């Protein structure tokens, strides 16, 4: 006897997406979130492909009525301070989906969780999931500590791990695969009154390369005259041999005139925030009775703001697979994770673009050499990752490599005939340690 059809662990974008769509399908869903919303979170810039999931969630009217700054483009600034032409999403895809938003995650995530409740999800905050319960190899429920500090067990046909970077099941089964290339970290803070463009460019995300090309800054304008400004660079570079995160951040701003000029007219209004070891993925998407979504499955470098898209997309794909499985009485790992390979290929496409940037890829040079592919590059920046139509950019990219430089392959590529699982197994180390 089960208490509900599906239990969702975590109320962030992935968890709220999965639970809302399952409730729309008529399933009973209980969601347990350990914190109380609103709560602070990073990952503030949406990309246009989130539109289609937001549409299914009935979130678009809420987003359109929100104070969130409208985002129409992304722009790159190289190490010399030279700005690329903006990549305007509408010019490439003249559709309502090409306008997206710069969100404050505490507000956005609460909107998403409240929306789940409106669709019938029993979403409980301040409830900690202590463990996932198994009958043999099959997940059958969770042990929780409720708001009254009482421990109890709740049973379901399917358990969805949307626990974010706590990665509850990934840790349990030692499934984490650290990215062998993208070993990065970030330090960021918030500025009031810093420079912002006007009109169509007011909400643009700026990616500003550091002078020594060790890393880059994000520059994300938000409502209430706030700008989120963070520096991303290799882990060792940022966090070893420096006295403090404040010193590191200020030194990097001082060495980046394009950033310094923009923030100099504002004032810093928060302390400094830090995150490390960005990029990882699970070797497995699902097992019998359980499935991973969002950051509980993996996270990619924030260069192209893909985090929320991957959370929403994985939540959508998982919800559809779960609903189909419940309808036919199949909650095996094969059914619940049937979307995993296609999803991994999509992540690989964005990862390839990230690795190209870190290896010196110039958007300006590429567009000058291949103006007919500007639209396809914009498609990738929009988040149109789950189609092989965009793969036509890779060979032209490789044609611009310096002699002796080799391509950085996505994780699913390698020895001909080698499977994704085999490729990942080559990179995993005992206890999930980083290479």
Protein backbone atom coordinates (compact mmCIF):
# COMPACT_ATOMS: atom_id res chain seq x y z
CA UNK A 1 0.00 0.00 0.00
CA UNK A 2 1.44 3.37 -1.02
CA UNK A 3 0.70 6.77 0.50
CA UNK A 4 0.98 8.50 -2.87
CA UNK A 5 1.94 7.81 -6.47
CA UNK A 6 5.14 9.85 -6.58
CA UNK A 7 7.40 11.43 -3.98
CA UNK A 8 9.59 14.33 -5.12
CA UNK A 9 12.62 15.26 -3.00
CA UNK A 10 13.30 18.99 -3.39
CA UNK A 11 11.23 21.99 -4.41
CA UNK A 12 13.60 23.80 -6.77
CA UNK A 13 12.86 24.25 -10.49
CA UNK A 14 13.44 20.57 -11.34
CA UNK A 15 11.30 19.27 -8.50
CA UNK A 16 8.48 21.75 -9.02
CA UNK A 17 8.46 21.03 -12.76
CA UNK A 18 8.32 17.27 -12.33
CA UNK A 19 5.62 17.43 -9.66
CA UNK A 20 3.44 19.94 -11.51
CA UNK A 21 3.43 17.96 -14.74
CA UNK A 22 2.68 14.72 -12.90
CA UNK A 23 -0.22 16.40 -11.11
CA UNK A 24 -1.48 17.63 -14.48
CA UNK A 25 -1.51 13.96 -15.58
CA UNK A 26 -3.75 13.19 -12.60
CA UNK A 27 -1.17 11.52 -10.34
CA UNK A 28 -0.94 11.99 -6.58
CA UNK A 29 2.31 13.78 -5.76
CA UNK A 30 3.95 14.66 -2.45
CA UNK A 31 6.93 17.00 -2.52
CA UNK A 32 9.27 17.48 0.42
CA UNK A 33 11.52 20.56 0.58
CA UNK A 34 13.90 20.91 3.51
CA UNK A 35 14.06 24.71 3.42
CA UNK A 36 11.34 27.32 3.58
CA UNK A 37 10.85 29.51 0.54
CA UNK A 38 11.83 32.11 -0.42
CA UNK A 39 15.47 31.14 -0.10
CA UNK A 40 18.60 32.38 -1.84
CA UNK A 41 19.93 30.52 -4.87
CA UNK A 42 22.25 31.28 -7.77
CA UNK A 43 21.44 30.59 -11.42
CA UNK A 44 19.58 33.73 -12.39
CA UNK A 45 19.63 33.98 -16.16
CA UNK A 46 17.06 32.04 -18.18
CA UNK A 47 17.53 31.13 -21.83
CA UNK A 48 14.71 31.07 -24.40
CA UNK A 49 14.14 27.32 -24.58
CA UNK A 50 12.77 27.43 -21.03
CA UNK A 51 9.66 28.98 -22.62
CA UNK A 52 8.25 25.66 -23.77
CA UNK A 53 8.41 24.02 -20.34
CA UNK A 54 7.07 27.17 -18.65
CA UNK A 55 4.20 27.07 -21.12
CA UNK A 56 3.31 23.50 -20.13
CA UNK A 57 3.49 24.49 -16.47
CA UNK A 58 1.06 27.40 -17.03
CA UNK A 59 3.80 29.68 -15.69
CA UNK A 60 3.98 32.12 -18.62
CA UNK A 61 1.23 34.50 -17.39
CA UNK A 62 2.98 34.67 -14.02
CA UNK A 63 6.34 35.38 -15.65
CA UNK A 64 4.85 38.04 -17.92
CA UNK A 65 3.28 39.79 -14.92
CA UNK A 66 6.46 39.58 -12.82
CA UNK A 67 8.99 42.38 -12.25
CA UNK A 68 11.78 40.25 -13.77
CA UNK A 69 13.97 42.06 -16.31
CA UNK A 70 13.29 40.97 -19.88
CA UNK A 71 16.27 39.38 -21.63
CA UNK A 72 16.57 39.59 -25.43
CA UNK A 73 20.20 38.70 -26.08
CA UNK A 74 23.63 37.63 -24.94
CA UNK A 75 26.82 39.53 -25.72
CA UNK A 76 30.50 38.63 -25.40
CA UNK A 77 33.41 40.90 -24.48
CA UNK A 78 36.89 39.58 -25.18
CA UNK A 79 40.03 39.98 -23.07
CA UNK A 80 40.91 43.23 -24.86
CA UNK A 81 37.51 44.73 -24.06
CA UNK A 82 36.15 44.39 -27.59
CA UNK A 83 32.42 43.70 -27.62
CA UNK A 84 30.81 41.26 -30.02
CA UNK A 85 27.62 42.20 -31.77
CA UNK A 86 24.74 41.08 -29.53
CA UNK A 87 23.21 37.70 -30.34
CA UNK A 88 19.56 38.75 -30.47
CA UNK A 89 17.28 35.78 -30.01
CA UNK A 90 14.33 37.32 -31.87
CA UNK A 91 16.40 37.99 -34.99
CA UNK A 92 17.09 34.28 -35.20
CA UNK A 93 13.66 33.03 -34.12
CA UNK A 94 10.90 35.65 -34.40
CA UNK A 95 8.59 34.12 -31.81
CA UNK A 96 7.38 35.04 -28.34
CA UNK A 97 9.75 32.39 -26.93
CA UNK A 98 12.76 34.53 -27.89
CA UNK A 99 12.16 36.94 -25.04
CA UNK A 100 13.14 35.45 -21.70
CA UNK A 101 13.99 36.79 -18.23
CA UNK A 102 16.70 37.56 -15.70
CA UNK A 103 15.22 36.22 -12.47
CA UNK A 104 15.86 36.53 -8.77
CA UNK A 105 15.84 32.87 -7.87
CA UNK A 106 14.31 33.31 -4.41
CA UNK A 107 11.28 34.85 -6.13
CA UNK A 108 11.23 32.59 -9.19
CA UNK A 109 11.56 29.35 -7.23
CA UNK A 110 8.74 30.35 -4.87
CA UNK A 111 6.54 31.15 -7.86
CA UNK A 112 7.29 27.72 -9.30
CA UNK A 113 6.55 25.90 -6.03
CA UNK A 114 3.33 27.84 -5.46
CA UNK A 115 2.34 26.97 -9.03
CA UNK A 116 2.87 23.28 -8.22
CA UNK A 117 0.49 23.61 -5.27
CA UNK A 118 -2.08 25.29 -7.50
CA UNK A 119 -1.96 22.19 -9.72
CA UNK A 120 -2.65 19.88 -6.78
CA UNK A 121 0.83 18.96 -5.54
CA UNK A 122 1.08 18.37 -1.80
CA UNK A 123 4.26 20.45 -1.35
CA UNK A 124 5.60 20.54 2.21
CA UNK A 125 8.40 22.89 3.24
CA UNK A 126 10.65 22.51 6.25
CA UNK A 127 10.62 18.72 5.79
CA UNK A 128 13.94 16.92 5.52
CA UNK A 129 14.29 13.65 3.64
CA UNK A 130 16.63 11.53 5.73
CA UNK A 131 16.83 8.54 3.44
CA UNK A 132 15.30 6.79 0.46
CA UNK A 133 13.68 3.47 1.37
CA UNK A 134 14.36 0.39 -0.75
CA UNK A 135 12.84 -3.06 -1.07
CA UNK A 136 15.79 -4.90 -2.57
CA UNK A 137 16.92 -2.75 -5.51
CA UNK A 138 13.61 -0.91 -5.84
CA UNK A 139 12.93 2.49 -4.26
CA UNK A 140 9.61 2.36 -2.39
CA UNK A 141 9.51 5.58 -0.39
CA UNK A 142 11.39 7.95 1.90
CA UNK A 143 12.06 8.51 5.58
CA UNK A 144 11.36 12.12 6.51
CA UNK A 145 11.70 14.41 9.51
CA UNK A 146 8.62 16.59 9.45
CA UNK A 147 7.95 20.13 10.61
CA UNK A 148 7.28 18.90 14.16
CA UNK A 149 10.69 17.15 14.19
CA UNK A 150 9.07 13.72 14.03
CA UNK A 151 10.48 10.93 11.88
CA UNK A 152 8.13 8.89 9.71
CA UNK A 153 8.09 6.87 6.52
CA UNK A 154 6.14 7.71 3.37
CA UNK A 155 5.66 5.17 0.57
CA UNK A 156 5.21 5.72 -3.17
CA UNK A 157 5.45 3.93 -6.49
CA UNK A 158 8.21 6.29 -7.70
CA UNK A 159 10.77 8.51 -5.92
CA UNK A 160 12.15 11.53 -7.80
CA UNK A 161 15.47 12.88 -6.52
CA UNK A 162 15.41 16.62 -7.18
CA UNK A 163 17.59 17.36 -4.14
CA UNK A 164 19.91 19.66 -6.09
CA UNK A 165 23.62 19.56 -5.37
CA UNK A 166 22.93 17.54 -2.23
CA UNK A 167 22.64 14.68 -4.79
CA UNK A 168 21.05 12.28 -2.32
CA UNK A 169 20.89 9.14 -4.48
CA UNK A 170 23.94 10.01 -6.53
CA UNK A 171 25.96 9.98 -3.30
CA UNK A 172 24.31 6.81 -2.04
CA UNK A 173 25.24 4.84 -5.13
CA UNK A 174 28.54 6.68 -5.82
CA UNK A 175 27.34 7.70 -9.28
CA UNK A 176 28.98 11.12 -9.52
CA UNK A 177 31.27 11.69 -12.47
CA UNK A 178 33.33 14.86 -12.14
CA UNK A 179 33.95 16.55 -15.45
CA UNK A 180 37.60 15.90 -16.38
CA UNK A 181 37.96 19.31 -18.05
CA UNK A 182 35.58 21.79 -16.43
CA UNK A 183 37.12 22.09 -12.98
CA UNK A 184 35.90 25.61 -12.24
CA UNK A 185 34.69 27.74 -9.36
CA UNK A 186 33.00 31.11 -8.95
CA UNK A 187 32.94 34.11 -6.64
CA UNK A 188 30.13 36.62 -6.99
CA UNK A 189 28.35 39.53 -5.35
CA UNK A 190 25.57 42.03 -6.10
CA UNK A 191 25.82 45.69 -7.09
CA UNK A 192 23.22 48.42 -6.90
CA UNK A 193 23.32 51.19 -9.48
CA UNK A 194 25.99 49.58 -11.67
CA UNK A 195 25.92 50.28 -15.39
CA UNK A 196 23.11 48.83 -17.44
CA UNK A 197 22.17 49.28 -21.07
CA UNK A 198 18.82 50.63 -22.14
CA UNK A 199 16.00 49.52 -24.41
CA UNK A 200 16.41 46.17 -26.08
CA UNK A 201 19.82 45.68 -24.47
CA UNK A 202 18.82 46.44 -20.88
CA UNK A 203 18.43 42.80 -19.91
CA UNK A 204 21.29 41.32 -21.92
CA UNK A 205 23.59 38.82 -20.27
CA UNK A 206 27.22 39.89 -20.72
CA UNK A 207 30.08 37.39 -20.74
CA UNK A 208 33.34 39.28 -20.21
CA UNK A 209 36.61 37.43 -20.64
CA UNK A 210 39.31 38.21 -18.09
CA UNK A 211 42.41 39.98 -19.39
CA UNK A 212 44.67 36.96 -18.88
CA UNK A 213 41.99 34.66 -20.35
CA UNK A 214 42.02 32.54 -17.20
CA UNK A 215 38.28 32.97 -16.81
CA UNK A 216 35.28 35.23 -17.36
CA UNK A 217 32.76 37.43 -15.59
CA UNK A 218 28.99 37.17 -15.79
CA UNK A 219 27.08 40.44 -15.71
CA UNK A 220 23.33 39.93 -15.17
CA UNK A 221 20.99 42.92 -14.69
CA UNK A 222 18.08 42.27 -12.34
CA UNK A 223 15.09 44.28 -11.18
CA UNK A 224 15.31 46.81 -8.33
CA UNK A 225 18.45 48.26 -9.96
CA UNK A 226 20.60 45.26 -8.95
CA UNK A 227 23.27 43.58 -11.07
CA UNK A 228 24.72 40.14 -10.34
CA UNK A 229 28.44 40.08 -11.16
CA UNK A 230 30.55 36.96 -10.74
CA UNK A 231 33.93 35.68 -11.82
CA UNK A 232 34.45 32.08 -13.00
CA UNK A 233 37.91 30.55 -13.38
CA UNK A 234 39.82 27.31 -12.77
CA UNK A 235 39.46 26.08 -9.21
CA UNK A 236 43.14 26.24 -8.31
CA UNK A 237 43.48 29.73 -9.77
CA UNK A 238 40.62 31.16 -7.73
CA UNK A 239 41.00 29.36 -4.42
CA UNK A 240 44.66 28.62 -3.83
CA UNK A 241 47.25 31.13 -2.63
CA UNK A 242 44.75 33.95 -2.02
CA UNK A 243 44.03 35.46 1.40
CA UNK A 244 40.28 35.81 0.98
CA UNK A 245 37.44 35.56 -1.51
CA UNK A 246 37.03 39.34 -1.23
CA UNK A 247 40.67 39.90 -2.20
CA UNK A 248 40.37 37.51 -5.14
CA UNK A 249 37.21 39.13 -6.44
CA UNK A 250 38.53 42.68 -6.11
CA UNK A 251 41.81 41.74 -7.78
CA UNK A 252 39.95 40.19 -10.71
CA UNK A 253 37.71 43.25 -11.10
CA UNK A 254 40.74 45.54 -10.95
CA UNK A 255 42.43 43.52 -13.70
CA UNK A 256 39.34 43.62 -15.94
CA UNK A 257 38.75 47.21 -17.12
CA UNK A 258 35.48 46.34 -18.88
CA UNK A 259 34.05 45.02 -15.60
CA UNK A 260 35.58 47.72 -13.42
CA UNK A 261 34.11 50.45 -15.61
CA UNK A 262 30.63 48.98 -15.33
CA UNK A 263 30.57 48.41 -11.57
CA UNK A 264 32.43 51.61 -10.59
CA UNK A 265 29.27 53.70 -10.81
CA UNK A 266 27.45 51.38 -8.39
CA UNK A 267 27.93 50.12 -4.85
CA UNK A 268 28.27 46.59 -3.60
CA UNK A 269 25.23 45.66 -1.48
CA UNK A 270 26.00 42.08 -0.35
CA UNK A 271 28.90 40.00 0.79
CA UNK A 272 30.68 37.50 -1.41
CA UNK A 273 29.29 34.13 -2.43
CA UNK A 274 31.33 31.13 -3.51
CA UNK A 275 30.70 27.84 -5.27
CA UNK A 276 33.19 25.21 -6.32
CA UNK A 277 33.46 22.06 -8.43
CA UNK A 278 30.76 23.03 -10.88
CA UNK A 279 30.58 20.33 -13.47
CA UNK A 280 29.54 16.76 -12.83
CA UNK A 281 27.07 14.20 -14.07
CA UNK A 282 25.58 10.94 -12.86
CA UNK A 283 26.52 7.71 -14.59
CA UNK A 284 22.89 6.67 -14.28
CA UNK A 285 19.63 8.55 -14.86
CA UNK A 286 17.28 6.16 -13.08
CA UNK A 287 16.84 2.81 -11.37
CA UNK A 288 13.85 0.72 -10.41
CA UNK A 289 11.41 3.08 -8.75
CA UNK A 290 13.69 6.14 -8.78
CA UNK A 291 14.91 8.84 -11.15
CA UNK A 292 17.27 11.84 -10.96
CA UNK A 293 16.43 15.32 -12.25
CA UNK A 294 18.08 18.74 -12.27
CA UNK A 295 21.27 19.21 -10.28
CA UNK A 296 20.65 15.86 -8.58
CA UNK A 297 21.55 14.38 -11.98
CA UNK A 298 24.25 16.84 -12.99
CA UNK A 299 25.32 20.40 -13.52
CA UNK A 300 27.20 22.09 -16.34
CA UNK A 301 29.43 25.14 -16.23
CA UNK A 302 27.29 28.33 -16.05
CA UNK A 303 28.90 30.01 -19.07
CA UNK A 304 25.77 29.93 -21.24
CA UNK A 305 23.18 30.02 -18.43
CA UNK A 306 21.91 26.52 -19.16
CA UNK A 307 21.27 25.46 -15.54
CA UNK A 308 17.57 26.29 -15.21
CA UNK A 309 16.84 24.99 -18.72
CA UNK A 310 18.43 21.62 -17.89
CA UNK A 311 16.48 21.51 -14.61
CA UNK A 312 13.16 22.22 -16.34
CA UNK A 313 13.88 19.98 -19.31
CA UNK A 314 14.93 16.99 -17.20
CA UNK A 315 11.89 17.53 -14.98
CA UNK A 316 9.61 17.53 -18.01
CA UNK A 317 11.19 14.45 -19.59
CA UNK A 318 11.15 12.55 -16.30
CA UNK A 319 7.54 13.47 -15.58
CA UNK A 320 6.40 12.20 -18.97
CA UNK A 321 8.33 8.94 -18.54
CA UNK A 322 6.97 8.44 -15.01
CA UNK A 323 3.40 9.12 -16.10
CA UNK A 324 3.73 6.69 -19.00
CA UNK A 325 5.25 4.09 -16.70
CA UNK A 326 2.52 4.44 -14.07
CA UNK A 327 -0.12 4.07 -16.77
CA UNK A 328 1.31 0.75 -17.96
CA UNK A 329 2.52 -0.52 -14.61
CA UNK A 330 6.22 -0.24 -15.46
CA UNK A 331 8.38 1.72 -13.05
CA UNK A 332 11.64 0.05 -13.99
CA UNK A 333 14.84 2.01 -14.39
CA UNK A 334 14.67 1.46 -18.15
CA UNK A 335 11.24 3.12 -18.31
CA UNK A 336 11.88 5.95 -15.85
CA UNK A 337 15.23 6.82 -17.43
CA UNK A 338 14.33 6.25 -21.10
CA UNK A 339 15.00 9.92 -21.83
CA UNK A 340 18.55 9.85 -20.44
CA UNK A 341 20.59 9.22 -23.59
CA UNK A 342 18.93 12.01 -25.59
CA UNK A 343 19.27 14.36 -22.62
CA UNK A 344 22.97 13.53 -22.27
CA UNK A 345 23.52 14.27 -25.95
CA UNK A 346 21.90 17.68 -25.44
CA UNK A 347 24.15 18.43 -22.48
CA UNK A 348 27.14 17.31 -24.55
CA UNK A 349 26.30 19.91 -27.21
CA UNK A 350 26.29 22.72 -24.66
CA UNK A 351 29.40 21.31 -23.00
CA UNK A 352 31.20 21.29 -26.34
CA UNK A 353 30.40 24.98 -26.79
CA UNK A 354 31.62 25.69 -23.25
CA UNK A 355 34.89 23.83 -23.84
CA UNK A 356 35.41 25.65 -27.14
CA UNK A 357 35.13 29.00 -25.34
CA UNK A 358 37.67 27.99 -22.71
CA UNK A 359 39.99 26.82 -25.50
CA UNK A 360 39.93 30.24 -27.14
CA UNK A 361 36.93 30.07 -29.45
CA UNK A 362 35.98 33.53 -30.77
CA UNK A 363 32.34 34.10 -31.68
CA UNK A 364 33.32 37.11 -33.76
CA UNK A 365 35.92 35.22 -35.78
CA UNK A 366 33.58 32.29 -36.31
CA UNK A 367 30.73 34.46 -37.58
CA UNK A 368 33.10 36.38 -39.88
CA UNK A 369 34.28 33.10 -41.41
CA UNK A 370 30.89 31.40 -41.43
CA UNK A 371 28.18 34.07 -41.51
CA UNK A 372 25.63 31.47 -42.64
CA UNK A 373 26.09 29.67 -39.30
CA UNK A 374 25.41 32.67 -37.06
CA UNK A 375 21.83 31.46 -36.69
CA UNK A 376 22.91 27.97 -35.66
CA UNK A 377 25.29 29.34 -33.02
CA UNK A 378 22.41 31.47 -31.75
CA UNK A 379 20.24 28.34 -31.66
CA UNK A 380 22.77 26.77 -29.29
CA UNK A 381 22.83 29.91 -27.12
CA UNK A 382 19.03 29.85 -27.07
CA UNK A 383 19.23 26.30 -25.70
CA UNK A 384 18.04 24.40 -28.76
CA UNK A 385 20.21 21.45 -27.73
CA UNK A 386 18.10 18.41 -28.38
CA UNK A 387 18.31 18.21 -32.16
CA UNK A 388 21.15 17.02 -34.41
CA UNK A 389 20.38 19.93 -36.75
CA UNK A 390 22.81 22.11 -34.75
CA UNK A 391 25.71 19.66 -35.11
CA UNK A 392 26.69 21.24 -38.42
CA UNK A 393 28.68 23.90 -36.51
CA UNK A 394 31.34 21.55 -35.13
CA UNK A 395 33.33 20.80 -38.26
CA UNK A 396 33.58 24.48 -39.27
CA UNK A 397 34.70 25.23 -35.72
CA UNK A 398 37.46 22.68 -36.01
CA UNK A 399 38.61 24.27 -39.28
CA UNK A 400 39.64 27.34 -37.27
CA UNK A 401 41.81 25.39 -34.82
CA UNK A 402 45.47 26.23 -34.65
CA UNK A 403 47.77 23.51 -36.00
CA UNK A 404 48.19 20.71 -33.51
CA UNK A 405 45.11 21.60 -31.51
CA UNK A 406 42.67 18.72 -31.08
CA UNK A 407 38.94 18.85 -30.58
CA UNK A 408 37.48 18.58 -27.09
CA UNK A 409 34.97 15.78 -27.54
CA UNK A 410 31.64 15.59 -25.76
CA UNK A 411 31.41 12.81 -23.20
CA UNK A 412 29.38 10.58 -25.50
CA UNK A 413 32.06 10.64 -28.20
CA UNK A 414 35.28 8.68 -28.22
CA UNK A 415 36.37 5.34 -29.55
CA UNK A 416 34.00 4.25 -32.35
CA UNK A 417 31.33 1.98 -30.94
CA UNK A 418 32.06 3.00 -27.35
CA UNK A 419 28.89 3.55 -25.36
CA UNK A 420 28.19 6.50 -23.08
CA UNK A 421 28.29 4.20 -20.05
CA UNK A 422 31.70 2.81 -21.09
CA UNK A 423 33.09 6.29 -21.68
CA UNK A 424 31.88 7.46 -18.26
CA UNK A 425 33.26 4.36 -16.55
CA UNK A 426 36.71 5.21 -17.91
CA UNK A 427 36.61 8.57 -16.14
CA UNK A 428 35.05 7.61 -12.81
CA UNK A 429 37.42 7.02 -9.90
CA UNK A 430 36.88 5.12 -6.64
CA UNK A 431 34.46 6.89 -4.30
CA UNK A 432 33.64 9.41 -7.04
CA UNK A 433 36.90 11.33 -6.61
CA UNK A 434 37.96 13.91 -9.15
CA UNK A 435 40.59 12.92 -11.76
